[in-house]
Amino acid sequence: QGLELAASGQITDNWAATAGYTIQHAYVEEGDAVTNDGSSD
């Protein structure tokens, strides 16, 4: 689960930009840990 933000296009007639940011929490809700450090990630 997480959040995704994005922007794309012209800010001014001469200035164009494309940007994207994603933050996500990915984890094991039930079951064995799958990462080497033993966490639920």
PDB file of all heavy atoms in Angstrom:
ATOM      1  N   GLN A   1       0.842  -1.192   0.000  1.00  0.00           N
ATOM      2  CA  GLN A   1       0.000   0.000   0.000  1.00  0.00           C
ATOM      3  C   GLN A   1       0.876   1.241   0.000  1.00  0.00           C
ATOM      4  O   GLN A   1       1.999   1.217   0.512  1.00  0.00           O
ATOM      5  CB  GLN A   1      -0.938   0.007   1.209  1.00  0.00           C
ATOM      6  CG  GLN A   1      -0.237  -0.027   2.545  1.00  0.00           C
ATOM      7  CD  GLN A   1      -1.222  -0.186   3.696  1.00  0.00           C
ATOM      8  OE1 GLN A   1      -2.402  -0.476   3.509  1.00  0.00           O
ATOM      9  NE2 GLN A   1      -0.741   0.016   4.917  1.00  0.00           N
ATOM     10  N   GLY A   2       0.363   2.311  -0.606  1.00  0.00           N
ATOM     11  CA  GLY A   2       1.193   3.506  -0.672  1.00  0.00           C
ATOM     12  C   GLY A   2       0.520   4.662  -1.377  1.00  0.00           C
ATOM     13  O   GLY A   2      -0.692   4.668  -1.616  1.00  0.00           O
ATOM     14  N   LEU A   3       1.351   5.632  -1.732  1.00  0.00           N
ATOM     15  CA  LEU A   3       0.917   6.882  -2.348  1.00  0.00           C
ATOM     16  C   LEU A   3       1.780   7.157  -3.556  1.00  0.00           C
ATOM     17  O   LEU A   3       3.006   6.985  -3.509  1.00  0.00           O
ATOM     18  CB  LEU A   3       1.041   8.032  -1.339  1.00  0.00           C
ATOM     19  CG  LEU A   3       0.902   9.453  -1.891  1.00  0.00           C
ATOM     20  CD1 LEU A   3      -0.536   9.716  -2.350  1.00  0.00           C
ATOM     21  CD2 LEU A   3       1.328  10.473  -0.828  1.00  0.00           C
ATOM     22  N   GLU A   4       1.144   7.597  -4.645  1.00  0.00           N
ATOM     23  CA  GLU A   4       1.867   7.947  -5.862  1.00  0.00           C
ATOM     24  C   GLU A   4       1.485   9.364  -6.272  1.00  0.00           C
ATOM     25  O   GLU A   4       0.301   9.705  -6.367  1.00  0.00           O
ATOM     26  CB  GLU A   4       1.531   6.969  -6.979  1.00  0.00           C
ATOM     27  CG  GLU A   4       2.298   7.214  -8.264  1.00  0.00           C
ATOM     28  CD  GLU A   4       1.992   6.176  -9.327  1.00  0.00           C
ATOM     29  OE1 GLU A   4       0.793   6.052  -9.674  1.00  0.00           O
ATOM     30  OE2 GLU A   4       2.924   5.493  -9.792  1.00  0.00           O
ATOM     31  N   LEU A   5       2.510  10.194  -6.546  1.00  0.00           N
ATOM     32  CA  LEU A   5       2.320  11.572  -6.990  1.00  0.00           C
ATOM     33  C   LEU A   5       3.001  11.746  -8.336  1.00  0.00           C
ATOM     34  O   LEU A   5       4.082  11.194  -8.569  1.00  0.00           O
ATOM     35  CB  LEU A   5       2.917  12.564  -5.989  1.00  0.00           C
ATOM     36  CG  LEU A   5       2.403  12.474  -4.539  1.00  0.00           C
ATOM     37  CD1 LEU A   5       3.194  13.413  -3.647  1.00  0.00           C
ATOM     38  CD2 LEU A   5       0.911  12.800  -4.472  1.00  0.00           C
ATOM     39  N   ALA A   6       2.396  12.529  -9.232  1.00  0.00           N
ATOM     40  CA  ALA A   6       2.990  12.709 -10.557  1.00  0.00           C
ATOM     41  C   ALA A   6       2.596  14.067 -11.121  1.00  0.00           C
ATOM     42  O   ALA A   6       1.545  14.623 -10.784  1.00  0.00           O
ATOM     43  CB  ALA A   6       2.550  11.601 -11.506  1.00  0.00           C
ATOM     44  N   ALA A   7       3.457  14.600 -11.993  1.00  0.00           N
ATOM     45  CA  ALA A   7       3.193  15.854 -12.703  1.00  0.00           C
ATOM     46  C   ALA A   7       3.869  15.773 -14.059  1.00  0.00           C
ATOM     47  O   ALA A   7       4.982  15.252 -14.175  1.00  0.00           O
ATOM     48  CB  ALA A   7       3.706  17.059 -11.919  1.00  0.00           C
ATOM     49  N   SER A   8       3.198  16.295 -15.090  1.00  0.00           N
ATOM     50  CA  SER A   8       3.761  16.230 -16.429  1.00  0.00           C
ATOM     51  C   SER A   8       3.156  17.322 -17.292  1.00  0.00           C
ATOM     52  O   SER A   8       1.933  17.480 -17.319  1.00  0.00           O
ATOM     53  CB  SER A   8       3.493  14.860 -17.060  1.00  0.00           C
ATOM     54  OG  SER A   8       3.993  14.806 -18.369  1.00  0.00           O
ATOM     55  N   GLY A   9       4.043  18.074 -17.998  1.00  0.00           N
ATOM     56  CA  GLY A   9       3.537  19.090 -18.908  1.00  0.00           C
ATOM     57  C   GLY A   9       4.350  20.366 -18.870  1.00  0.00           C
ATOM     58  O   GLY A   9       5.529  20.369 -18.498  1.00  0.00           O
ATOM     59  N   GLN A  10       3.710  21.463 -19.248  1.00  0.00           N
ATOM     60  CA  GLN A  10       4.358  22.771 -19.343  1.00  0.00           C
ATOM     61  C   GLN A  10       4.046  23.600 -18.103  1.00  0.00           C
ATOM     62  O   GLN A  10       2.875  23.842 -17.797  1.00  0.00           O
ATOM     63  CB  GLN A  10       3.866  23.511 -20.582  1.00  0.00           C
ATOM     64  CG  GLN A  10       4.208  22.860 -21.906  1.00  0.00           C
ATOM     65  CD  GLN A  10       5.670  22.985 -22.257  1.00  0.00           C
ATOM     66  OE1 GLN A  10       6.287  22.033 -22.712  1.00  0.00           O
ATOM     67  NE2 GLN A  10       6.246  24.167 -22.058  1.00  0.00           N
ATOM     68  N   ILE A  11       5.090  24.053 -17.427  1.00  0.00           N
ATOM     69  CA  ILE A  11       4.901  24.971 -16.309  1.00  0.00           C
ATOM     70  C   ILE A  11       4.760  26.396 -16.838  1.00  0.00           C
ATOM     71  O   ILE A  11       3.935  27.181 -16.376  1.00  0.00           O
ATOM     72  CB  ILE A  11       6.072  24.850 -15.319  1.00  0.00           C
ATOM     73  CG1 ILE A  11       6.123  23.418 -14.769  1.00  0.00           C
ATOM     74  CG2 ILE A  11       5.923  25.853 -14.179  1.00  0.00           C
ATOM     75  CD1 ILE A  11       7.294  23.147 -13.872  1.00  0.00           C
ATOM     76  N   THR A  12       5.591  26.740 -17.820  1.00  0.00           N
ATOM     77  CA  THR A  12       5.466  27.978 -18.586  1.00  0.00           C
ATOM     78  C   THR A  12       5.623  27.611 -20.058  1.00  0.00           C
ATOM     79  O   THR A  12       5.844  26.453 -20.402  1.00  0.00           O
ATOM     80  CB  THR A  12       6.526  29.014 -18.177  1.00  0.00           C
ATOM     81  OG1 THR A  12       7.827  28.544 -18.579  1.00  0.00           O
ATOM     82  CG2 THR A  12       6.523  29.257 -16.673  1.00  0.00           C
ATOM     83  N   ASP A  13       5.553  28.612 -20.926  1.00  0.00           N
ATOM     84  CA  ASP A  13       5.708  28.332 -22.349  1.00  0.00           C
ATOM     85  C   ASP A  13       7.082  27.744 -22.666  1.00  0.00           C
ATOM     86  O   ASP A  13       7.224  26.964 -23.617  1.00  0.00           O
ATOM     87  CB  ASP A  13       5.497  29.613 -23.159  1.00  0.00           C
ATOM     88  CG  ASP A  13       4.048  30.077 -23.154  1.00  0.00           C
ATOM     89  OD1 ASP A  13       3.175  29.228 -22.865  1.00  0.00           O
ATOM     90  OD2 ASP A  13       3.792  31.269 -23.415  1.00  0.00           O
ATOM     91  N   ASN A  14       8.094  28.094 -21.899  1.00  0.00           N
ATOM     92  CA  ASN A  14       9.462  27.632 -22.157  1.00  0.00           C
ATOM     93  C   ASN A  14       9.924  26.526 -21.221  1.00  0.00           C
ATOM     94  O   ASN A  14      10.957  25.899 -21.474  1.00  0.00           O
ATOM     95  CB  ASN A  14      10.449  28.815 -22.057  1.00  0.00           C
ATOM     96  CG  ASN A  14      10.213  29.866 -23.112  1.00  0.00           C
ATOM     97  OD1 ASN A  14       9.897  29.549 -24.260  1.00  0.00           O
ATOM     98  ND2 ASN A  14      10.357  31.139 -22.729  1.00  0.00           N
ATOM     99  N   TRP A  15       9.191  26.294 -20.152  1.00  0.00           N
ATOM    100  CA  TRP A  15       9.652  25.358 -19.113  1.00  0.00           C
ATOM    101  C   TRP A  15       8.725  24.157 -19.045  1.00  0.00           C
ATOM    102  O   TRP A  15       7.539  24.285 -18.774  1.00  0.00           O
ATOM    103  CB  TRP A  15       9.697  26.092 -17.772  1.00  0.00           C
ATOM    104  CG  TRP A  15      10.219  25.271 -16.639  1.00  0.00           C
ATOM    105  CD1 TRP A  15      10.923  24.107 -16.697  1.00  0.00           C
ATOM    106  CD2 TRP A  15      10.065  25.570 -15.249  1.00  0.00           C
ATOM    107  NE1 TRP A  15      11.232  23.654 -15.450  1.00  0.00           N
ATOM    108  CE2 TRP A  15      10.729  24.533 -14.534  1.00  0.00           C
ATOM    109  CE3 TRP A  15       9.459  26.605 -14.550  1.00  0.00           C
ATOM    110  CZ2 TRP A  15      10.761  24.514 -13.146  1.00  0.00           C
ATOM    111  CZ3 TRP A  15       9.494  26.595 -13.159  1.00  0.00           C
ATOM    112  CH2 TRP A  15      10.153  25.553 -12.468  1.00  0.00           C
ATOM    113  N   ALA A  16       9.269  22.957 -19.308  1.00  0.00           N
ATOM    114  CA  ALA A  16       8.519  21.704 -19.241  1.00  0.00           C
ATOM    115  C   ALA A  16       9.128  20.792 -18.178  1.00  0.00           C
ATOM    116  O   ALA A  16      10.345  20.844 -17.926  1.00  0.00           O
ATOM    117  CB  ALA A  16       8.522  20.994 -20.596  1.00  0.00           C
ATOM    118  N   ALA A  17       8.296  19.977 -17.574  1.00  0.00           N
ATOM    119  CA  ALA A  17       8.798  19.084 -16.520  1.00  0.00           C
ATOM    120  C   ALA A  17       7.942  17.835 -16.422  1.00  0.00           C
ATOM    121  O   ALA A  17       6.744  17.851 -16.715  1.00  0.00           O
ATOM    122  CB  ALA A  17       8.831  19.808 -15.171  1.00  0.00           C
ATOM    123  N   THR A  18       8.582  16.747 -15.983  1.00  0.00           N
ATOM    124  CA  THR A  18       7.910  15.495 -15.668  1.00  0.00           C
ATOM    125  C   THR A  18       8.496  14.984 -14.358  1.00  0.00           C
ATOM    126  O   THR A  18       9.729  14.900 -14.219  1.00  0.00           O
ATOM    127  CB  THR A  18       8.118  14.443 -16.773  1.00  0.00           C
ATOM    128  OG1 THR A  18       7.591  14.925 -17.997  1.00  0.00           O
ATOM    129  CG2 THR A  18       7.425  13.140 -16.409  1.00  0.00           C
ATOM    130  N   ALA A  19       7.636  14.659 -13.414  1.00  0.00           N
ATOM    131  CA  ALA A  19       8.123  14.198 -12.112  1.00  0.00           C
ATOM    132  C   ALA A  19       7.177  13.143 -11.558  1.00  0.00           C
ATOM    133  O   ALA A  19       5.975  13.155 -11.835  1.00  0.00           O
ATOM    134  CB  ALA A  19       8.241  15.368 -11.132  1.00  0.00           C
ATOM    135  N   GLY A  20       7.746  12.249 -10.771  1.00  0.00           N
ATOM    136  CA  GLY A  20       6.942  11.225 -10.129  1.00  0.00           C
ATOM    137  C   GLY A  20       7.585  10.754  -8.839  1.00  0.00           C
ATOM    138  O   GLY A  20       8.815  10.668  -8.745  1.00  0.00           O
ATOM    139  N   TYR A  21       6.759  10.468  -7.856  1.00  0.00           N
ATOM    140  CA  TYR A  21       7.258   9.984  -6.554  1.00  0.00           C
ATOM    141  C   TYR A  21       6.295   8.923  -6.024  1.00  0.00           C
ATOM    142  O   TYR A  21       5.075   9.090  -6.084  1.00  0.00           O
ATOM    143  CB  TYR A  21       7.354  11.130  -5.553  1.00  0.00           C
ATOM    144  CG  TYR A  21       7.618  10.667  -4.138  1.00  0.00           C
ATOM    145  CD1 TYR A  21       8.852  10.116  -3.787  1.00  0.00           C
ATOM    146  CD2 TYR A  21       6.626  10.749  -3.161  1.00  0.00           C
ATOM    147  CE1 TYR A  21       9.090   9.670  -2.499  1.00  0.00           C
ATOM    148  CE2 TYR A  21       6.865  10.309  -1.865  1.00  0.00           C
ATOM    149  CZ  TYR A  21       8.099   9.767  -1.542  1.00  0.00           C
ATOM    150  OH  TYR A  21       8.328   9.328  -0.257  1.00  0.00           O
ATOM    151  N   THR A  22       6.871   7.843  -5.526  1.00  0.00           N
ATOM    152  CA  THR A  22       6.075   6.761  -4.944  1.00  0.00           C
ATOM    153  C   THR A  22       6.646   6.372  -3.596  1.00  0.00           C
ATOM    154  O   THR A  22       7.859   6.180  -3.462  1.00  0.00           O
ATOM    155  CB  THR A  22       6.070   5.517  -5.862  1.00  0.00           C
ATOM    156  OG1 THR A  22       5.539   5.860  -7.131  1.00  0.00           O
ATOM    157  CG2 THR A  22       5.231   4.403  -5.243  1.00  0.00           C
ATOM    158  N   ILE A  23       5.784   6.277  -2.621  1.00  0.00           N
ATOM    159  CA  ILE A  23       6.152   5.707  -1.325  1.00  0.00           C
ATOM    160  C   ILE A  23       5.210   4.536  -1.080  1.00  0.00           C
ATOM    161  O   ILE A  23       3.997   4.660  -1.254  1.00  0.00           O
ATOM    162  CB  ILE A  23       6.059   6.746  -0.177  1.00  0.00           C
ATOM    163  CG1 ILE A  23       6.399   6.062   1.164  1.00  0.00           C
ATOM    164  CG2 ILE A  23       4.705   7.433  -0.131  1.00  0.00           C
ATOM    165  CD1 ILE A  23       6.518   7.043   2.329  1.00  0.00           C
ATOM    166  N   GLN A  24       5.780   3.388  -0.732  1.00  0.00           N
ATOM    167  CA  GLN A  24       4.959   2.200  -0.537  1.00  0.00           C
ATOM    168  C   GLN A  24       5.486   1.372   0.626  1.00  0.00           C
ATOM    169  O   GLN A  24       6.695   1.311   0.868  1.00  0.00           O
ATOM    170  CB  GLN A  24       4.922   1.359  -1.810  1.00  0.00           C
ATOM    171  CG  GLN A  24       6.266   0.861  -2.279  1.00  0.00           C
ATOM    172  CD  GLN A  24       6.185   0.092  -3.586  1.00  0.00           C
ATOM    173  OE1 GLN A  24       5.120  -0.181  -4.114  1.00  0.00           O
ATOM    174  NE2 GLN A  24       7.334  -0.271  -4.129  1.00  0.00           N
ATOM    175  N   HIS A  25       4.562   0.751   1.308  1.00  0.00           N
ATOM    176  CA  HIS A  25       4.902  -0.177   2.391  1.00  0.00           C
ATOM    177  C   HIS A  25       4.486  -1.559   1.925  1.00  0.00           C
ATOM    178  O   HIS A  25       3.286  -1.840   1.775  1.00  0.00           O
ATOM    179  CB  HIS A  25       4.186   0.217   3.672  1.00  0.00           C
ATOM    180  CG  HIS A  25       4.587  -0.614   4.851  1.00  0.00           C
ATOM    181  ND1 HIS A  25       3.840  -0.702   6.012  1.00  0.00           N
ATOM    182  CD2 HIS A  25       5.671  -1.416   5.044  1.00  0.00           C
ATOM    183  CE1 HIS A  25       4.439  -1.516   6.857  1.00  0.00           C
ATOM    184  NE2 HIS A  25       5.547  -1.964   6.303  1.00  0.00           N
ATOM    185  N   ALA A  26       5.450  -2.408   1.658  1.00  0.00           N
ATOM    186  CA  ALA A  26       5.189  -3.761   1.158  1.00  0.00           C
ATOM    187  C   ALA A  26       5.650  -4.757   2.218  1.00  0.00           C
ATOM    188  O   ALA A  26       6.835  -4.786   2.568  1.00  0.00           O
ATOM    189  CB  ALA A  26       5.937  -3.997  -0.155  1.00  0.00           C
ATOM    190  N   TYR A  27       4.732  -5.584   2.714  1.00  0.00           N
ATOM    191  CA  TYR A  27       5.090  -6.450   3.833  1.00  0.00           C
ATOM    192  C   TYR A  27       4.248  -7.731   3.844  1.00  0.00           C
ATOM    193  O   TYR A  27       3.219  -7.833   3.170  1.00  0.00           O
ATOM    194  CB  TYR A  27       4.909  -5.706   5.160  1.00  0.00           C
ATOM    195  CG  TYR A  27       3.499  -5.241   5.432  1.00  0.00           C
ATOM    196  CD1 TYR A  27       2.641  -5.980   6.239  1.00  0.00           C
ATOM    197  CD2 TYR A  27       3.029  -4.052   4.885  1.00  0.00           C
ATOM    198  CE1 TYR A  27       1.353  -5.553   6.500  1.00  0.00           C
ATOM    199  CE2 TYR A  27       1.745  -3.610   5.146  1.00  0.00           C
ATOM    200  CZ  TYR A  27       0.906  -4.368   5.944  1.00  0.00           C
ATOM    201  OH  TYR A  27      -0.373  -3.933   6.197  1.00  0.00           O
ATOM    202  N   VAL A  28       4.739  -8.683   4.618  1.00  0.00           N
ATOM    203  CA  VAL A  28       4.040  -9.941   4.837  1.00  0.00           C
ATOM    204  C   VAL A  28       3.049  -9.729   5.978  1.00  0.00           C
ATOM    205  O   VAL A  28       3.443  -9.418   7.101  1.00  0.00           O
ATOM    206  CB  VAL A  28       5.015 -11.079   5.188  1.00  0.00           C
ATOM    207  CG1 VAL A  28       4.251 -12.357   5.506  1.00  0.00           C
ATOM    208  CG2 VAL A  28       5.990 -11.308   4.046  1.00  0.00           C
ATOM    209  N   GLU A  29       1.773  -9.900   5.675  1.00  0.00           N
ATOM    210  CA  GLU A  29       0.743  -9.714   6.695  1.00  0.00           C
ATOM    211  C   GLU A  29       0.587 -10.962   7.550  1.00  0.00           C
ATOM    212  O   GLU A  29       0.421 -10.877   8.777  1.00  0.00           O
ATOM    213  CB  GLU A  29      -0.577  -9.358   6.014  1.00  0.00           C
ATOM    214  CG  GLU A  29      -1.636  -8.842   6.950  1.00  0.00           C
ATOM    215  CD  GLU A  29      -2.846  -8.326   6.204  1.00  0.00           C
ATOM    216  OE1 GLU A  29      -3.006  -8.668   5.011  1.00  0.00           O
ATOM    217  OE2 GLU A  29      -3.640  -7.600   6.811  1.00  0.00           O
ATOM    218  N   GLU A  30       0.624 -12.132   6.914  1.00  0.00           N
ATOM    219  CA  GLU A  30       0.595 -13.402   7.625  1.00  0.00           C
ATOM    220  C   GLU A  30       1.534 -14.366   6.909  1.00  0.00           C
ATOM    221  O   GLU A  30       1.536 -14.449   5.686  1.00  0.00           O
ATOM    222  CB  GLU A  30      -0.824 -13.989   7.643  1.00  0.00           C
ATOM    223  CG  GLU A  30      -1.811 -13.207   8.472  1.00  0.00           C
ATOM    224  CD  GLU A  30      -3.175 -13.879   8.525  1.00  0.00           C
ATOM    225  OE1 GLU A  30      -3.227 -15.103   8.296  1.00  0.00           O
ATOM    226  OE2 GLU A  30      -4.175 -13.186   8.791  1.00  0.00           O
ATOM    227  N   GLY A  31       2.325 -15.084   7.696  1.00  0.00           N
ATOM    228  CA  GLY A  31       3.253 -16.034   7.098  1.00  0.00           C
ATOM    229  C   GLY A  31       4.690 -15.747   7.486  1.00  0.00           C
ATOM    230  O   GLY A  31       4.990 -14.832   8.263  1.00  0.00           O
ATOM    231  N   ASP A  32       5.596 -16.520   6.924  1.00  0.00           N
ATOM    232  CA  ASP A  32       7.005 -16.407   7.258  1.00  0.00           C
ATOM    233  C   ASP A  32       7.620 -15.143   6.656  1.00  0.00           C
ATOM    234  O   ASP A  32       7.218 -14.688   5.580  1.00  0.00           O
ATOM    235  CB  ASP A  32       7.764 -17.630   6.740  1.00  0.00           C
ATOM    236  CG  ASP A  32       7.303 -18.920   7.404  1.00  0.00           C
ATOM    237  OD1 ASP A  32       6.836 -18.855   8.563  1.00  0.00           O
ATOM    238  OD2 ASP A  32       7.391 -19.981   6.759  1.00  0.00           O
ATOM    239  N   ALA A  33       8.621 -14.597   7.347  1.00  0.00           N
ATOM    240  CA  ALA A  33       9.383 -13.461   6.826  1.00  0.00           C
ATOM    241  C   ALA A  33      10.132 -13.891   5.568  1.00  0.00           C
ATOM    242  O   ALA A  33      10.604 -15.025   5.469  1.00  0.00           O
ATOM    243  CB  ALA A  33      10.358 -12.950   7.879  1.00  0.00           C
ATOM    244  N   VAL A  34      10.230 -12.984   4.609  1.00  0.00           N
ATOM    245  CA  VAL A  34      10.859 -13.331   3.332  1.00  0.00           C
ATOM    246  C   VAL A  34      12.137 -12.537   3.079  1.00  0.00           C
ATOM    247  O   VAL A  34      12.791 -12.730   2.063  1.00  0.00           O
ATOM    248  CB  VAL A  34       9.878 -13.114   2.158  1.00  0.00           C
ATOM    249  CG1 VAL A  34       8.715 -14.072   2.257  1.00  0.00           C
ATOM    250  CG2 VAL A  34       9.390 -11.669   2.116  1.00  0.00           C
ATOM    251  N   THR A  35      12.525 -11.653   4.001  1.00  0.00           N
ATOM    252  CA  THR A  35      13.763 -10.892   3.837  1.00  0.00           C
ATOM    253  C   THR A  35      14.859 -11.448   4.730  1.00  0.00           C
ATOM    254  O   THR A  35      14.599 -12.044   5.774  1.00  0.00           O
ATOM    255  CB  THR A  35      13.554  -9.403   4.163  1.00  0.00           C
ATOM    256  OG1 THR A  35      12.973  -9.284   5.470  1.00  0.00           O
ATOM    257  CG2 THR A  35      12.636  -8.749   3.151  1.00  0.00           C
ATOM    258  N   ASN A  36      16.097 -11.209   4.317  1.00  0.00           N
ATOM    259  CA  ASN A  36      17.250 -11.757   5.018  1.00  0.00           C
ATOM    260  C   ASN A  36      17.383 -11.206   6.438  1.00  0.00           C
ATOM    261  O   ASN A  36      17.911 -11.876   7.322  1.00  0.00           O
ATOM    262  CB  ASN A  36      18.521 -11.464   4.221  1.00  0.00           C
ATOM    263  CG  ASN A  36      19.744 -12.141   4.798  1.00  0.00           C
ATOM    264  OD1 ASN A  36      19.809 -13.363   4.882  1.00  0.00           O
ATOM    265  ND2 ASN A  36      20.716 -11.342   5.219  1.00  0.00           N
ATOM    266  N   ASP A  37      16.916  -9.964   6.671  1.00  0.00           N
ATOM    267  CA  ASP A  37      17.057  -9.372   8.007  1.00  0.00           C
ATOM    268  C   ASP A  37      15.963  -9.827   8.970  1.00  0.00           C
ATOM    269  O   ASP A  37      15.927  -9.388  10.126  1.00  0.00           O
ATOM    270  CB  ASP A  37      17.073  -7.841   7.910  1.00  0.00           C
ATOM    271  CG  ASP A  37      15.780  -7.267   7.342  1.00  0.00           C
ATOM    272  OD1 ASP A  37      14.849  -8.047   7.071  1.00  0.00           O
ATOM    273  OD2 ASP A  37      15.705  -6.037   7.170  1.00  0.00           O
ATOM    274  N   GLY A  38      15.052 -10.696   8.516  1.00  0.00           N
ATOM    275  CA  GLY A  38      14.020 -11.232   9.392  1.00  0.00           C
ATOM    276  C   GLY A  38      12.815 -10.341   9.586  1.00  0.00           C
ATOM    277  O   GLY A  38      11.903 -10.688  10.337  1.00  0.00           O
ATOM    278  N   SER A  39      12.771  -9.191   8.911  1.00  0.00           N
ATOM    279  CA  SER A  39      11.633  -8.292   9.045  1.00  0.00           C
ATOM    280  C   SER A  39      10.473  -8.790   8.196  1.00  0.00           C
ATOM    281  O   SER A  39      10.598  -9.713   7.396  1.00  0.00           O
ATOM    282  CB  SER A  39      12.027  -6.873   8.612  1.00  0.00           C
ATOM    283  OG  SER A  39      12.237  -6.822   7.211  1.00  0.00           O
ATOM    284  N   SER A  40       9.317  -8.139   8.322  1.00  0.00           N
ATOM    285  CA  SER A  40       8.142  -8.526   7.552  1.00  0.00           C
ATOM    286  C   SER A  40       8.094  -7.834   6.191  1.00  0.00           C
ATOM    287  O   SER A  40       7.155  -8.052   5.422  1.00  0.00           O
ATOM    288  CB  SER A  40       6.869  -8.186   8.338  1.00  0.00           C
ATOM    289  OG  SER A  40       6.785  -6.786   8.578  1.00  0.00           O
ATOM    290  N   ASP A  41       9.082  -6.987   5.889  1.00  0.00           N
ATOM    291  CA  ASP A  41       9.104  -6.294   4.603  1.00  0.00           C
ATOM    292  C   ASP A  41       9.278  -7.282   3.447  1.00  0.00           C
ATOM    293  O   ASP A  41       9.892  -8.345   3.609  1.00  0.00           O
ATOM    294  CB  ASP A  41      10.239  -5.269   4.557  1.00  0.00           C
ATOM    295  CG  ASP A  41      10.053  -4.149   5.566  1.00  0.00           C
ATOM    296  OD1 ASP A  41       8.894  -3.893   5.938  1.00  0.00           O
ATOM    297  OD2 ASP A  41      11.052  -3.537   5.981  1.00  0.00           O
TER     298      ASP A  41
END
